[in-house]
């Protein structure tokens, strides 16, 4: 079954045509930018669930068997600062090995910080 990909430009075209709703399903895929544009422009997304497109499934945030949300606890809260620095350096080295000097060092640091913060490493 083929999928229909909707981009932010498709969302803008919908608004220009006066359309205000979009039916989503298994065969319709919204890009991240399209999802953000739809929210910004007030497009109502009719979808079977409320999970944004391409949102990662985070089992560590899922409810337990009794329906209660788990206590907020970073997965790596006991990692010492030295291990954090080592991890950052290994990530830097790996990215540079793949991309060479194609990436701005300050952008790389921002990305590394954001990713590590999202997984609980400060």
PDB file of N, CA and C in Angstrom:
ATOM      1  N   UNK A   1       0.847  -1.166   0.000  1.00  0.00           N
ATOM      2  CA  UNK A   1       0.000   0.000   0.000  1.00  0.00           C
ATOM      3  C   UNK A   1       0.894   1.231   0.000  1.00  0.00           C
ATOM      4  N   UNK A   2       0.688   2.133  -0.941  1.00  0.00           N
ATOM      5  CA  UNK A   2       1.534   3.326  -1.023  1.00  0.00           C
ATOM      6  C   UNK A   2       1.088   4.369  -0.010  1.00  0.00           C
ATOM      7  N   UNK A   3       2.033   5.185   0.358  1.00  0.00           N
ATOM      8  CA  UNK A   3       1.762   6.244   1.337  1.00  0.00           C
ATOM      9  C   UNK A   3       1.780   7.600   0.659  1.00  0.00           C
ATOM     10  N   UNK A   4       0.969   8.498   1.164  1.00  0.00           N
ATOM     11  CA  UNK A   4       0.933   9.870   0.679  1.00  0.00           C
ATOM     12  C   UNK A   4       1.656  10.731   1.713  1.00  0.00           C
ATOM     13  N   UNK A   5       2.727  11.390   1.280  1.00  0.00           N
ATOM     14  CA  UNK A   5       3.490  12.246   2.173  1.00  0.00           C
ATOM     15  C   UNK A   5       3.014  13.682   2.008  1.00  0.00           C
ATOM     16  N   UNK A   6       2.733  14.328   3.132  1.00  0.00           N
ATOM     17  CA  UNK A   6       2.259  15.709   3.121  1.00  0.00           C
ATOM     18  C   UNK A   6       3.348  16.579   3.723  1.00  0.00           C
ATOM     19  N   UNK A   7       3.727  17.630   2.987  1.00  0.00           N
ATOM     20  CA  UNK A   7       4.776  18.537   3.429  1.00  0.00           C
ATOM     21  C   UNK A   7       4.169  19.838   3.929  1.00  0.00           C
ATOM     22  N   UNK A   8       5.030  20.706   4.454  1.00  0.00           N
ATOM     23  CA  UNK A   8       4.541  22.008   4.920  1.00  0.00           C
ATOM     24  C   UNK A   8       3.969  22.823   3.767  1.00  0.00           C
ATOM     25  N   UNK A   9       4.506  22.641   2.560  1.00  0.00           N
ATOM     26  CA  UNK A   9       3.973  23.362   1.393  1.00  0.00           C
ATOM     27  C   UNK A   9       2.570  22.875   1.046  1.00  0.00           C
ATOM     28  N   UNK A  10       2.328  21.578   1.217  1.00  0.00           N
ATOM     29  CA  UNK A  10       0.986  21.037   0.995  1.00  0.00           C
ATOM     30  C   UNK A  10      -0.006  21.650   1.992  1.00  0.00           C
ATOM     31  N   UNK A  11       0.432  21.832   3.233  1.00  0.00           N
ATOM     32  CA  UNK A  11      -0.426  22.443   4.256  1.00  0.00           C
ATOM     33  C   UNK A  11      -0.749  23.887   3.870  1.00  0.00           C
ATOM     34  N   UNK A  12       0.268  24.633   3.419  1.00  0.00           N
ATOM     35  CA  UNK A  12       0.041  26.015   2.986  1.00  0.00           C
ATOM     36  C   UNK A  12      -0.941  26.066   1.821  1.00  0.00           C
ATOM     37  N   UNK A  13      -0.802  25.135   0.879  1.00  0.00           N
ATOM     38  CA  UNK A  13      -1.729  25.076  -0.258  1.00  0.00           C
ATOM     39  C   UNK A  13      -3.151  24.793   0.211  1.00  0.00           C
ATOM     40  N   UNK A  14      -3.295  23.912   1.203  1.00  0.00           N
ATOM     41  CA  UNK A  14      -4.623  23.614   1.749  1.00  0.00           C
ATOM     42  C   UNK A  14      -5.273  24.872   2.319  1.00  0.00           C
ATOM     43  N   UNK A  15      -4.498  25.627   3.077  1.00  0.00           N
ATOM     44  CA  UNK A  15      -5.022  26.855   3.684  1.00  0.00           C
ATOM     45  C   UNK A  15      -5.419  27.844   2.601  1.00  0.00           C
ATOM     46  N   UNK A  16      -4.603  27.961   1.569  1.00  0.00           N
ATOM     47  CA  UNK A  16      -4.918  28.871   0.466  1.00  0.00           C
ATOM     48  C   UNK A  16      -6.201  28.472  -0.258  1.00  0.00           C
ATOM     49  N   UNK A  17      -6.512  27.155  -0.277  1.00  0.00           N
ATOM     50  CA  UNK A  17      -7.741  26.671  -0.898  1.00  0.00           C
ATOM     51  C   UNK A  17      -8.925  26.754   0.062  1.00  0.00           C
ATOM     52  N   UNK A  18      -8.663  27.141   1.308  1.00  0.00           N
ATOM     53  CA  UNK A  18      -9.733  27.267   2.295  1.00  0.00           C
ATOM     54  C   UNK A  18     -10.025  25.993   3.058  1.00  0.00           C
ATOM     55  N   UNK A  19      -9.225  24.977   2.893  1.00  0.00           N
ATOM     56  CA  UNK A  19      -9.431  23.730   3.614  1.00  0.00           C
ATOM     57  C   UNK A  19      -8.889  23.874   5.036  1.00  0.00           C
ATOM     58  N   UNK A  20      -9.645  23.384   6.007  1.00  0.00           N
ATOM     59  CA  UNK A  20      -9.253  23.537   7.402  1.00  0.00           C
ATOM     60  C   UNK A  20      -9.122  22.228   8.163  1.00  0.00           C
ATOM     61  N   UNK A  21      -9.364  21.102   7.494  1.00  0.00           N
ATOM     62  CA  UNK A  21      -9.203  19.802   8.145  1.00  0.00           C
ATOM     63  C   UNK A  21      -8.429  18.870   7.229  1.00  0.00           C
ATOM     64  N   UNK A  22      -7.754  17.919   7.840  1.00  0.00           N
ATOM     65  CA  UNK A  22      -6.995  16.926   7.096  1.00  0.00           C
ATOM     66  C   UNK A  22      -7.171  15.587   7.785  1.00  0.00           C
ATOM     67  N   UNK A  23      -7.661  14.615   7.041  1.00  0.00           N
ATOM     68  CA  UNK A  23      -7.852  13.262   7.578  1.00  0.00           C
ATOM     69  C   UNK A  23      -6.548  12.491   7.448  1.00  0.00           C
ATOM     70  N   UNK A  24      -6.037  12.024   8.562  1.00  0.00           N
ATOM     71  CA  UNK A  24      -4.809  11.230   8.565  1.00  0.00           C
ATOM     72  C   UNK A  24      -5.159   9.772   8.769  1.00  0.00           C
ATOM     73  N   UNK A  25      -4.262   8.922   8.365  1.00  0.00           N
ATOM     74  CA  UNK A  25      -4.452   7.487   8.541  1.00  0.00           C
ATOM     75  C   UNK A  25      -3.142   6.780   8.268  1.00  0.00           C
ATOM     76  N   UNK A  26      -3.224   5.469   8.108  1.00  0.00           N
ATOM     77  CA  UNK A  26      -2.022   4.685   7.870  1.00  0.00           C
ATOM     78  C   UNK A  26      -1.363   5.021   6.547  1.00  0.00           C
ATOM     79  N   UNK A  27      -2.136   5.494   5.574  1.00  0.00           N
ATOM     80  CA  UNK A  27      -1.570   5.771   4.254  1.00  0.00           C
ATOM     81  C   UNK A  27      -1.162   7.236   4.092  1.00  0.00           C
ATOM     82  N   UNK A  28      -1.407   8.070   5.090  1.00  0.00           N
ATOM     83  CA  UNK A  28      -1.053   9.493   5.019  1.00  0.00           C
ATOM     84  C   UNK A  28       0.023   9.770   6.058  1.00  0.00           C
ATOM     85  N   UNK A  29       1.134  10.331   5.593  1.00  0.00           N
ATOM     86  CA  UNK A  29       2.253  10.644   6.481  1.00  0.00           C
ATOM     87  C   UNK A  29       2.516  12.133   6.425  1.00  0.00           C
ATOM     88  N   UNK A  30       2.533  12.759   7.575  1.00  0.00           N
ATOM     89  CA  UNK A  30       2.835  14.184   7.691  1.00  0.00           C
ATOM     90  C   UNK A  30       4.288  14.330   8.095  1.00  0.00           C
ATOM     91  N   UNK A  31       5.030  15.207   7.415  1.00  0.00           N
ATOM     92  CA  UNK A  31       6.394  15.480   7.856  1.00  0.00           C
ATOM     93  C   UNK A  31       6.314  16.279   9.151  1.00  0.00           C
ATOM     94  N   UNK A  32       7.415  16.328   9.884  1.00  0.00           N
ATOM     95  CA  UNK A  32       7.439  17.098  11.126  1.00  0.00           C
ATOM     96  C   UNK A  32       7.102  18.559  10.871  1.00  0.00           C
ATOM     97  N   UNK A  33       7.692  19.125   9.819  1.00  0.00           N
ATOM     98  CA  UNK A  33       7.430  20.539   9.505  1.00  0.00           C
ATOM     99  C   UNK A  33       5.979  20.755   9.099  1.00  0.00           C
ATOM    100  N   UNK A  34       5.384  19.793   8.411  1.00  0.00           N
ATOM    101  CA  UNK A  34       3.976  19.905   8.028  1.00  0.00           C
ATOM    102  C   UNK A  34       3.089  19.888   9.268  1.00  0.00           C
ATOM    103  N   UNK A  35       3.424  19.030  10.214  1.00  0.00           N
ATOM    104  CA  UNK A  35       2.659  18.958  11.456  1.00  0.00           C
ATOM    105  C   UNK A  35       2.707  20.294  12.193  1.00  0.00           C
ATOM    106  N   UNK A  36       3.905  20.854  12.306  1.00  0.00           N
ATOM    107  CA  UNK A  36       4.060  22.147  12.986  1.00  0.00           C
ATOM    108  C   UNK A  36       3.310  23.247  12.240  1.00  0.00           C
ATOM    109  N   UNK A  37       3.396  23.255  10.900  1.00  0.00           N
ATOM    110  CA  UNK A  37       2.721  24.274  10.097  1.00  0.00           C
ATOM    111  C   UNK A  37       1.211  24.141  10.255  1.00  0.00           C
ATOM    112  N   UNK A  38       0.709  22.919  10.275  1.00  0.00           N
ATOM    113  CA  UNK A  38      -0.732  22.695  10.437  1.00  0.00           C
ATOM    114  C   UNK A  38      -1.211  23.248  11.777  1.00  0.00           C
ATOM    115  N   UNK A  39      -0.464  22.991  12.825  1.00  0.00           N
ATOM    116  CA  UNK A  39      -0.846  23.539  14.134  1.00  0.00           C
ATOM    117  C   UNK A  39      -0.802  25.057  14.131  1.00  0.00           C
ATOM    118  N   UNK A  40       0.229  25.604  13.521  1.00  0.00           N
ATOM    119  CA  UNK A  40       0.403  27.057  13.478  1.00  0.00           C
ATOM    120  C   UNK A  40      -0.726  27.733  12.697  1.00  0.00           C
ATOM    121  N   UNK A  41      -1.153  27.098  11.614  1.00  0.00           N
ATOM    122  CA  UNK A  41      -2.177  27.692  10.758  1.00  0.00           C
ATOM    123  C   UNK A  41      -3.593  27.275  11.140  1.00  0.00           C
ATOM    124  N   UNK A  42      -3.722  26.469  12.181  1.00  0.00           N
ATOM    125  CA  UNK A  42      -5.048  26.102  12.673  1.00  0.00           C
ATOM    126  C   UNK A  42      -5.733  24.995  11.889  1.00  0.00           C
ATOM    127  N   UNK A  43      -4.974  24.166  11.208  1.00  0.00           N
ATOM    128  CA  UNK A  43      -5.553  23.025  10.493  1.00  0.00           C
ATOM    129  C   UNK A  43      -5.907  21.955  11.519  1.00  0.00           C
ATOM    130  N   UNK A  44      -7.128  21.455  11.459  1.00  0.00           N
ATOM    131  CA  UNK A  44      -7.534  20.382  12.362  1.00  0.00           C
ATOM    132  C   UNK A  44      -7.126  19.061  11.740  1.00  0.00           C
ATOM    133  N   UNK A  45      -6.320  18.305  12.473  1.00  0.00           N
ATOM    134  CA  UNK A  45      -5.842  17.014  11.997  1.00  0.00           C
ATOM    135  C   UNK A  45      -6.718  15.927  12.592  1.00  0.00           C
ATOM    136  N   UNK A  46      -7.436  15.228  11.731  1.00  0.00           N
ATOM    137  CA  UNK A  46      -8.299  14.143  12.171  1.00  0.00           C
ATOM    138  C   UNK A  46      -7.488  12.861  12.077  1.00  0.00           C
ATOM    139  N   UNK A  47      -7.139  12.321  13.243  1.00  0.00           N
ATOM    140  CA  UNK A  47      -6.277  11.149  13.269  1.00  0.00           C
ATOM    141  C   UNK A  47      -6.757  10.171  14.315  1.00  0.00           C
ATOM    142  N   UNK A  48      -6.415   8.895  14.123  1.00  0.00           N
ATOM    143  CA  UNK A  48      -6.879   7.879  15.055  1.00  0.00           C
ATOM    144  C   UNK A  48      -6.316   8.046  16.466  1.00  0.00           C
ATOM    145  N   UNK A  49      -5.127   8.642  16.599  1.00  0.00           N
ATOM    146  CA  UNK A  49      -4.559   8.878  17.925  1.00  0.00           C
ATOM    147  C   UNK A  49      -3.944  10.269  17.947  1.00  0.00           C
ATOM    148  N   UNK A  50      -3.590  10.727  19.109  1.00  0.00           N
ATOM    149  CA  UNK A  50      -3.091  12.090  19.266  1.00  0.00           C
ATOM    150  C   UNK A  50      -1.581  12.195  19.220  1.00  0.00           C
ATOM    151  N   UNK A  51      -0.901  11.126  18.854  1.00  0.00           N
ATOM    152  CA  UNK A  51       0.555  11.154  18.813  1.00  0.00           C
ATOM    153  C   UNK A  51       1.015  11.884  17.548  1.00  0.00           C
ATOM    154  N   UNK A  52       1.882  12.896  17.669  1.00  0.00           N
ATOM    155  CA  UNK A  52       2.356  13.604  16.490  1.00  0.00           C
ATOM    156  C   UNK A  52       3.111  12.674  15.552  1.00  0.00           C
ATOM    157  N   UNK A  53       3.126  13.003  14.257  1.00  0.00           N
ATOM    158  CA  UNK A  53       3.862  12.163  13.319  1.00  0.00           C
ATOM    159  C   UNK A  53       5.330  12.087  13.691  1.00  0.00           C
ATOM    160  N   UNK A  54       5.913  10.956  13.472  1.00  0.00           N
ATOM    161  CA  UNK A  54       7.335  10.709  13.693  1.00  0.00           C
ATOM    162  C   UNK A  54       7.739  10.865  15.157  1.00  0.00           C
ATOM    163  N   UNK A  55       6.775  10.962  16.053  1.00  0.00           N
ATOM    164  CA  UNK A  55       7.123  11.077  17.467  1.00  0.00           C
ATOM    165  C   UNK A  55       7.659   9.739  17.942  1.00  0.00           C
ATOM    166  N   UNK A  56       8.761   9.757  18.643  1.00  0.00           N
ATOM    167  CA  UNK A  56       9.314   8.494  19.101  1.00  0.00           C
ATOM    168  C   UNK A  56       8.443   7.874  20.181  1.00  0.00           C
ATOM    169  N   UNK A  57       8.372   6.581  20.177  1.00  0.00           N
ATOM    170  CA  UNK A  57       7.687   5.880  21.243  1.00  0.00           C
ATOM    171  C   UNK A  57       8.685   5.772  22.378  1.00  0.00           C
ATOM    172  N   UNK A  58       8.298   6.257  23.528  1.00  0.00           N
ATOM    173  CA  UNK A  58       9.210   6.288  24.671  1.00  0.00           C
ATOM    174  C   UNK A  58       8.675   5.372  25.756  1.00  0.00           C
ATOM    175  N   UNK A  59       9.086   4.113  25.749  1.00  0.00           N
ATOM    176  CA  UNK A  59       8.540   3.171  26.718  1.00  0.00           C
ATOM    177  C   UNK A  59       8.833   3.571  28.159  1.00  0.00           C
ATOM    178  N   UNK A  60       9.880   4.327  28.380  1.00  0.00           N
ATOM    179  CA  UNK A  60      10.199   4.748  29.738  1.00  0.00           C
ATOM    180  C   UNK A  60       9.231   5.816  30.231  1.00  0.00           C
ATOM    181  N   UNK A  61       8.376   6.358  29.327  1.00  0.00           N
ATOM    182  CA  UNK A  61       7.355   7.310  29.733  1.00  0.00           C
ATOM    183  C   UNK A  61       5.969   6.678  29.768  1.00  0.00           C
ATOM    184  N   UNK A  62       5.871   5.427  29.361  1.00  0.00           N
ATOM    185  CA  UNK A  62       4.584   4.754  29.282  1.00  0.00           C
ATOM    186  C   UNK A  62       4.059   4.463  30.685  1.00  0.00           C
ATOM    187  N   UNK A  63       2.752   4.329  30.766  1.00  0.00           N
ATOM    188  CA  UNK A  63       2.135   4.005  32.047  1.00  0.00           C
ATOM    189  C   UNK A  63       2.458   2.570  32.427  1.00  0.00           C
ATOM    190  N   UNK A  64       2.451   2.309  33.742  1.00  0.00           N
ATOM    191  CA  UNK A  64       2.699   0.944  34.178  1.00  0.00           C
ATOM    192  C   UNK A  64       1.422   0.114  34.025  1.00  0.00           C
ATOM    193  N   UNK A  65       1.457  -1.136  34.440  1.00  0.00           N
ATOM    194  CA  UNK A  65       0.321  -2.038  34.245  1.00  0.00           C
ATOM    195  C   UNK A  65      -0.930  -1.586  34.988  1.00  0.00           C
ATOM    196  N   UNK A  66      -0.777  -0.739  36.009  1.00  0.00           N
ATOM    197  CA  UNK A  66      -1.924  -0.237  36.763  1.00  0.00           C
ATOM    198  C   UNK A  66      -2.428   1.088  36.203  1.00  0.00           C
ATOM    199  N   UNK A  67      -1.790   1.582  35.130  1.00  0.00           N
ATOM    200  CA  UNK A  67      -2.226   2.825  34.510  1.00  0.00           C
ATOM    201  C   UNK A  67      -1.553   4.061  35.063  1.00  0.00           C
ATOM    202  N   UNK A  68      -0.692   3.889  36.045  1.00  0.00           N
ATOM    203  CA  UNK A  68      -0.024   5.039  36.644  1.00  0.00           C
ATOM    204  C   UNK A  68       1.227   5.386  35.846  1.00  0.00           C
ATOM    205  N   UNK A  69       1.453   6.661  35.695  1.00  0.00           N
ATOM    206  CA  UNK A  69       2.668   7.104  35.004  1.00  0.00           C
ATOM    207  C   UNK A  69       3.863   6.843  35.900  1.00  0.00           C
ATOM    208  N   UNK A  70       4.993   6.479  35.329  1.00  0.00           N
ATOM    209  CA  UNK A  70       6.176   6.231  36.146  1.00  0.00           C
ATOM    210  C   UNK A  70       6.715   7.526  36.748  1.00  0.00           C
ATOM    211  N   UNK A  71       7.428   7.392  37.821  1.00  0.00           N
ATOM    212  CA  UNK A  71       8.047   8.574  38.426  1.00  0.00           C
ATOM    213  C   UNK A  71       9.088   9.122  37.465  1.00  0.00           C
ATOM    214  N   UNK A  72       9.153  10.443  37.387  1.00  0.00           N
ATOM    215  CA  UNK A  72      10.138  11.074  36.505  1.00  0.00           C
ATOM    216  C   UNK A  72      11.522  10.823  37.065  1.00  0.00           C
ATOM    217  N   UNK A  73      12.311  10.100  36.315  1.00  0.00           N
ATOM    218  CA  UNK A  73      13.667   9.771  36.749  1.00  0.00           C
ATOM    219  C   UNK A  73      14.528   9.634  35.515  1.00  0.00           C
ATOM    220  N   UNK A  74      15.501  10.489  35.357  1.00  0.00           N
ATOM    221  CA  UNK A  74      16.377  10.353  34.197  1.00  0.00           C
ATOM    222  C   UNK A  74      17.024   8.980  34.188  1.00  0.00           C
ATOM    223  N   UNK A  75      17.188   8.430  32.996  1.00  0.00           N
ATOM    224  CA  UNK A  75      17.735   7.086  32.891  1.00  0.00           C
ATOM    225  C   UNK A  75      19.194   7.031  33.320  1.00  0.00           C
ATOM    226  N   UNK A  76      19.869   8.143  33.297  1.00  0.00           N
ATOM    227  CA  UNK A  76      21.306   8.140  33.572  1.00  0.00           C
ATOM    228  C   UNK A  76      21.652   9.108  34.699  1.00  0.00           C
ATOM    229  N   UNK A  77      20.821   9.210  35.715  1.00  0.00           N
ATOM    230  CA  UNK A  77      21.023  10.234  36.730  1.00  0.00           C
ATOM    231  C   UNK A  77      22.272  10.029  37.570  1.00  0.00           C
ATOM    232  N   UNK A  78      22.771   8.803  37.652  1.00  0.00           N
ATOM    233  CA  UNK A  78      23.944   8.539  38.480  1.00  0.00           C
ATOM    234  C   UNK A  78      25.250   8.596  37.708  1.00  0.00           C
ATOM    235  N   UNK A  79      25.212   9.053  36.451  1.00  0.00           N
ATOM    236  CA  UNK A  79      26.419   9.112  35.630  1.00  0.00           C
ATOM    237  C   UNK A  79      27.278  10.278  36.108  1.00  0.00           C
ATOM    238  N   UNK A  80      28.518  10.035  36.485  1.00  0.00           N
ATOM    239  CA  UNK A  80      29.374  11.125  36.942  1.00  0.00           C
ATOM    240  C   UNK A  80      29.716  12.080  35.803  1.00  0.00           C
ATOM    241  N   UNK A  81      30.098  13.309  36.159  1.00  0.00           N
ATOM    242  CA  UNK A  81      30.405  14.336  35.167  1.00  0.00           C
ATOM    243  C   UNK A  81      31.513  13.891  34.221  1.00  0.00           C
ATOM    244  N   UNK A  82      32.491  13.175  34.714  1.00  0.00           N
ATOM    245  CA  UNK A  82      33.600  12.731  33.860  1.00  0.00           C
ATOM    246  C   UNK A  82      33.094  11.793  32.765  1.00  0.00           C
ATOM    247  N   UNK A  83      32.172  10.907  33.111  1.00  0.00           N
ATOM    248  CA  UNK A  83      31.600   9.994  32.122  1.00  0.00           C
ATOM    249  C   UNK A  83      30.808  10.790  31.087  1.00  0.00           C
ATOM    250  N   UNK A  84      30.140  11.853  31.545  1.00  0.00           N
ATOM    251  CA  UNK A  84      29.392  12.721  30.636  1.00  0.00           C
ATOM    252  C   UNK A  84      30.332  13.371  29.624  1.00  0.00           C
ATOM    253  N   UNK A  85      31.457  13.881  30.091  1.00  0.00           N
ATOM    254  CA  UNK A  85      32.438  14.492  29.191  1.00  0.00           C
ATOM    255  C   UNK A  85      32.996  13.470  28.211  1.00  0.00           C
ATOM    256  N   UNK A  86      33.242  12.265  28.690  1.00  0.00           N
ATOM    257  CA  UNK A  86      33.748  11.197  27.830  1.00  0.00           C
ATOM    258  C   UNK A  86      32.714  10.850  26.751  1.00  0.00           C
ATOM    259  N   UNK A  87      31.455  10.772  27.155  1.00  0.00           N
ATOM    260  CA  UNK A  87      30.383  10.470  26.213  1.00  0.00           C
ATOM    261  C   UNK A  87      30.279  11.559  25.142  1.00  0.00           C
ATOM    262  N   UNK A  88      30.315  12.816  25.578  1.00  0.00           N
ATOM    263  CA  UNK A  88      30.274  13.931  24.629  1.00  0.00           C
ATOM    264  C   UNK A  88      31.420  13.847  23.623  1.00  0.00           C
ATOM    265  N   UNK A  89      32.617  13.521  24.110  1.00  0.00           N
ATOM    266  CA  UNK A  89      33.777  13.442  23.222  1.00  0.00           C
ATOM    267  C   UNK A  89      33.634  12.276  22.240  1.00  0.00           C
ATOM    268  N   UNK A  90      33.127  11.149  22.710  1.00  0.00           N
ATOM    269  CA  UNK A  90      32.930  10.005  21.815  1.00  0.00           C
ATOM    270  C   UNK A  90      31.907  10.329  20.736  1.00  0.00           C
ATOM    271  N   UNK A  91      30.858  11.060  21.107  1.00  0.00           N
ATOM    272  CA  UNK A  91      29.855  11.469  20.115  1.00  0.00           C
ATOM    273  C   UNK A  91      30.492  12.413  19.097  1.00  0.00           C
ATOM    274  N   UNK A  92      31.230  13.423  19.591  1.00  0.00           N
ATOM    275  CA  UNK A  92      31.921  14.360  18.694  1.00  0.00           C
ATOM    276  C   UNK A  92      32.814  13.618  17.714  1.00  0.00           C
ATOM    277  N   UNK A  93      33.629  12.691  18.240  1.00  0.00           N
ATOM    278  CA  UNK A  93      34.558  11.934  17.400  1.00  0.00           C
ATOM    279  C   UNK A  93      33.821  11.114  16.352  1.00  0.00           C
ATOM    280  N   UNK A  94      32.725  10.510  16.751  1.00  0.00           N
ATOM    281  CA  UNK A  94      31.950   9.681  15.824  1.00  0.00           C
ATOM    282  C   UNK A  94      31.339  10.524  14.702  1.00  0.00           C
ATOM    283  N   UNK A  95      30.769  11.675  15.062  1.00  0.00           N
ATOM    284  CA  UNK A  95      30.174  12.557  14.053  1.00  0.00           C
ATOM    285  C   UNK A  95      31.244  13.069  13.105  1.00  0.00           C
ATOM    286  N   UNK A  96      32.384  13.476  13.650  1.00  0.00           N
ATOM    287  CA  UNK A  96      33.468  13.978  12.796  1.00  0.00           C
ATOM    288  C   UNK A  96      34.020  12.884  11.889  1.00  0.00           C
ATOM    289  N   UNK A  97      34.040  11.640  12.375  1.00  0.00           N
ATOM    290  CA  UNK A  97      34.506  10.532  11.535  1.00  0.00           C
ATOM    291  C   UNK A  97      33.565  10.314  10.356  1.00  0.00           C
ATOM    292  N   UNK A  98      32.274  10.524  10.572  1.00  0.00           N
ATOM    293  CA  UNK A  98      31.296  10.341   9.500  1.00  0.00           C
ATOM    294  C   UNK A  98      31.194  11.546   8.586  1.00  0.00           C
ATOM    295  N   UNK A  99      31.177  12.744   9.174  1.00  0.00           N
ATOM    296  CA  UNK A  99      30.888  13.946   8.393  1.00  0.00           C
ATOM    297  C   UNK A  99      32.101  14.831   8.139  1.00  0.00           C
ATOM    298  N   UNK A 100      33.206  14.528   8.771  1.00  0.00           N
ATOM    299  CA  UNK A 100      34.385  15.369   8.598  1.00  0.00           C
ATOM    300  C   UNK A 100      34.122  16.761   9.148  1.00  0.00           C
ATOM    301  N   UNK A 101      34.507  17.764   8.397  1.00  0.00           N
ATOM    302  CA  UNK A 101      34.327  19.151   8.835  1.00  0.00           C
ATOM    303  C   UNK A 101      33.079  19.791   8.232  1.00  0.00           C
ATOM    304  N   UNK A 102      32.098  18.976   7.843  1.00  0.00           N
ATOM    305  CA  UNK A 102      30.876  19.490   7.237  1.00  0.00           C
ATOM    306  C   UNK A 102      29.937  20.139   8.248  1.00  0.00           C
ATOM    307  N   UNK A 103      30.153  19.906   9.521  1.00  0.00           N
ATOM    308  CA  UNK A 103      29.227  20.417  10.533  1.00  0.00           C
ATOM    309  C   UNK A 103      29.910  21.476  11.379  1.00  0.00           C
ATOM    310  N   UNK A 104      29.164  22.513  11.681  1.00  0.00           N
ATOM    311  CA  UNK A 104      29.650  23.610  12.519  1.00  0.00           C
ATOM    312  C   UNK A 104      29.824  23.091  13.951  1.00  0.00           C
ATOM    313  N   UNK A 105      30.997  23.311  14.565  1.00  0.00           N
ATOM    314  CA  UNK A 105      31.236  22.788  15.923  1.00  0.00           C
ATOM    315  C   UNK A 105      30.224  23.281  16.959  1.00  0.00           C
ATOM    316  N   UNK A 106      29.811  24.535  16.862  1.00  0.00           N
ATOM    317  CA  UNK A 106      28.836  25.030  17.847  1.00  0.00           C
ATOM    318  C   UNK A 106      27.469  24.387  17.639  1.00  0.00           C
ATOM    319  N   UNK A 107      27.105  24.126  16.385  1.00  0.00           N
ATOM    320  CA  UNK A 107      25.852  23.428  16.102  1.00  0.00           C
ATOM    321  C   UNK A 107      25.917  21.999  16.635  1.00  0.00           C
ATOM    322  N   UNK A 108      27.054  21.353  16.442  1.00  0.00           N
ATOM    323  CA  UNK A 108      27.232  19.994  16.946  1.00  0.00           C
ATOM    324  C   UNK A 108      27.079  19.958  18.462  1.00  0.00           C
ATOM    325  N   UNK A 109      27.671  20.919  19.154  1.00  0.00           N
ATOM    326  CA  UNK A 109      27.556  20.970  20.617  1.00  0.00           C
ATOM    327  C   UNK A 109      26.099  21.166  21.038  1.00  0.00           C
ATOM    328  N   UNK A 110      25.388  22.015  20.325  1.00  0.00           N
ATOM    329  CA  UNK A 110      23.973  22.256  20.636  1.00  0.00           C
ATOM    330  C   UNK A 110      23.170  20.972  20.465  1.00  0.00           C
ATOM    331  N   UNK A 111      23.419  20.258  19.382  1.00  0.00           N
ATOM    332  CA  UNK A 111      22.700  19.011  19.115  1.00  0.00           C
ATOM    333  C   UNK A 111      23.029  17.966  20.172  1.00  0.00           C
ATOM    334  N   UNK A 112      24.309  17.824  20.500  1.00  0.00           N
ATOM    335  CA  UNK A 112      24.717  16.848  21.517  1.00  0.00           C
ATOM    336  C   UNK A 112      24.050  17.165  22.851  1.00  0.00           C
ATOM    337  N   UNK A 113      24.075  18.424  23.242  1.00  0.00           N
ATOM    338  CA  UNK A 113      23.453  18.839  24.513  1.00  0.00           C
ATOM    339  C   UNK A 113      21.961  18.526  24.519  1.00  0.00           C
ATOM    340  N   UNK A 114      21.290  18.852  23.424  1.00  0.00           N
ATOM    341  CA  UNK A 114      19.837  18.610  23.353  1.00  0.00           C
ATOM    342  C   UNK A 114      19.533  17.116  23.457  1.00  0.00           C
ATOM    343  N   UNK A 115      20.269  16.309  22.732  1.00  0.00           N
ATOM    344  CA  UNK A 115      20.020  14.865  22.753  1.00  0.00           C
ATOM    345  C   UNK A 115      20.303  14.294  24.142  1.00  0.00           C
ATOM    346  N   UNK A 116      21.425  14.663  24.726  1.00  0.00           N
ATOM    347  CA  UNK A 116      21.758  14.136  26.050  1.00  0.00           C
ATOM    348  C   UNK A 116      20.753  14.593  27.101  1.00  0.00           C
ATOM    349  N   UNK A 117      20.293  15.837  27.005  1.00  0.00           N
ATOM    350  CA  UNK A 117      19.271  16.300  27.940  1.00  0.00           C
ATOM    351  C   UNK A 117      17.975  15.503  27.772  1.00  0.00           C
ATOM    352  N   UNK A 118      17.627  15.160  26.528  1.00  0.00           N
ATOM    353  CA  UNK A 118      16.398  14.409  26.289  1.00  0.00           C
ATOM    354  C   UNK A 118      16.457  12.986  26.827  1.00  0.00           C
ATOM    355  N   UNK A 119      17.658  12.434  26.941  1.00  0.00           N
ATOM    356  CA  UNK A 119      17.776  11.078  27.486  1.00  0.00           C
ATOM    357  C   UNK A 119      18.183  11.093  28.958  1.00  0.00           C
ATOM    358  N   UNK A 120      18.259  12.267  29.550  1.00  0.00           N
ATOM    359  CA  UNK A 120      18.497  12.359  30.980  1.00  0.00           C
ATOM    360  C   UNK A 120      19.926  12.561  31.400  1.00  0.00           C
ATOM    361  N   UNK A 121      20.833  12.803  30.467  1.00  0.00           N
ATOM    362  CA  UNK A 121      22.230  13.082  30.816  1.00  0.00           C
ATOM    363  C   UNK A 121      22.407  14.581  30.745  1.00  0.00           C
ATOM    364  N   UNK A 122      22.873  15.178  31.799  1.00  0.00           N
ATOM    365  CA  UNK A 122      23.008  16.643  31.821  1.00  0.00           C
ATOM    366  C   UNK A 122      24.361  17.045  31.431  1.00  0.00           C
TER     367      UNK A 122
END
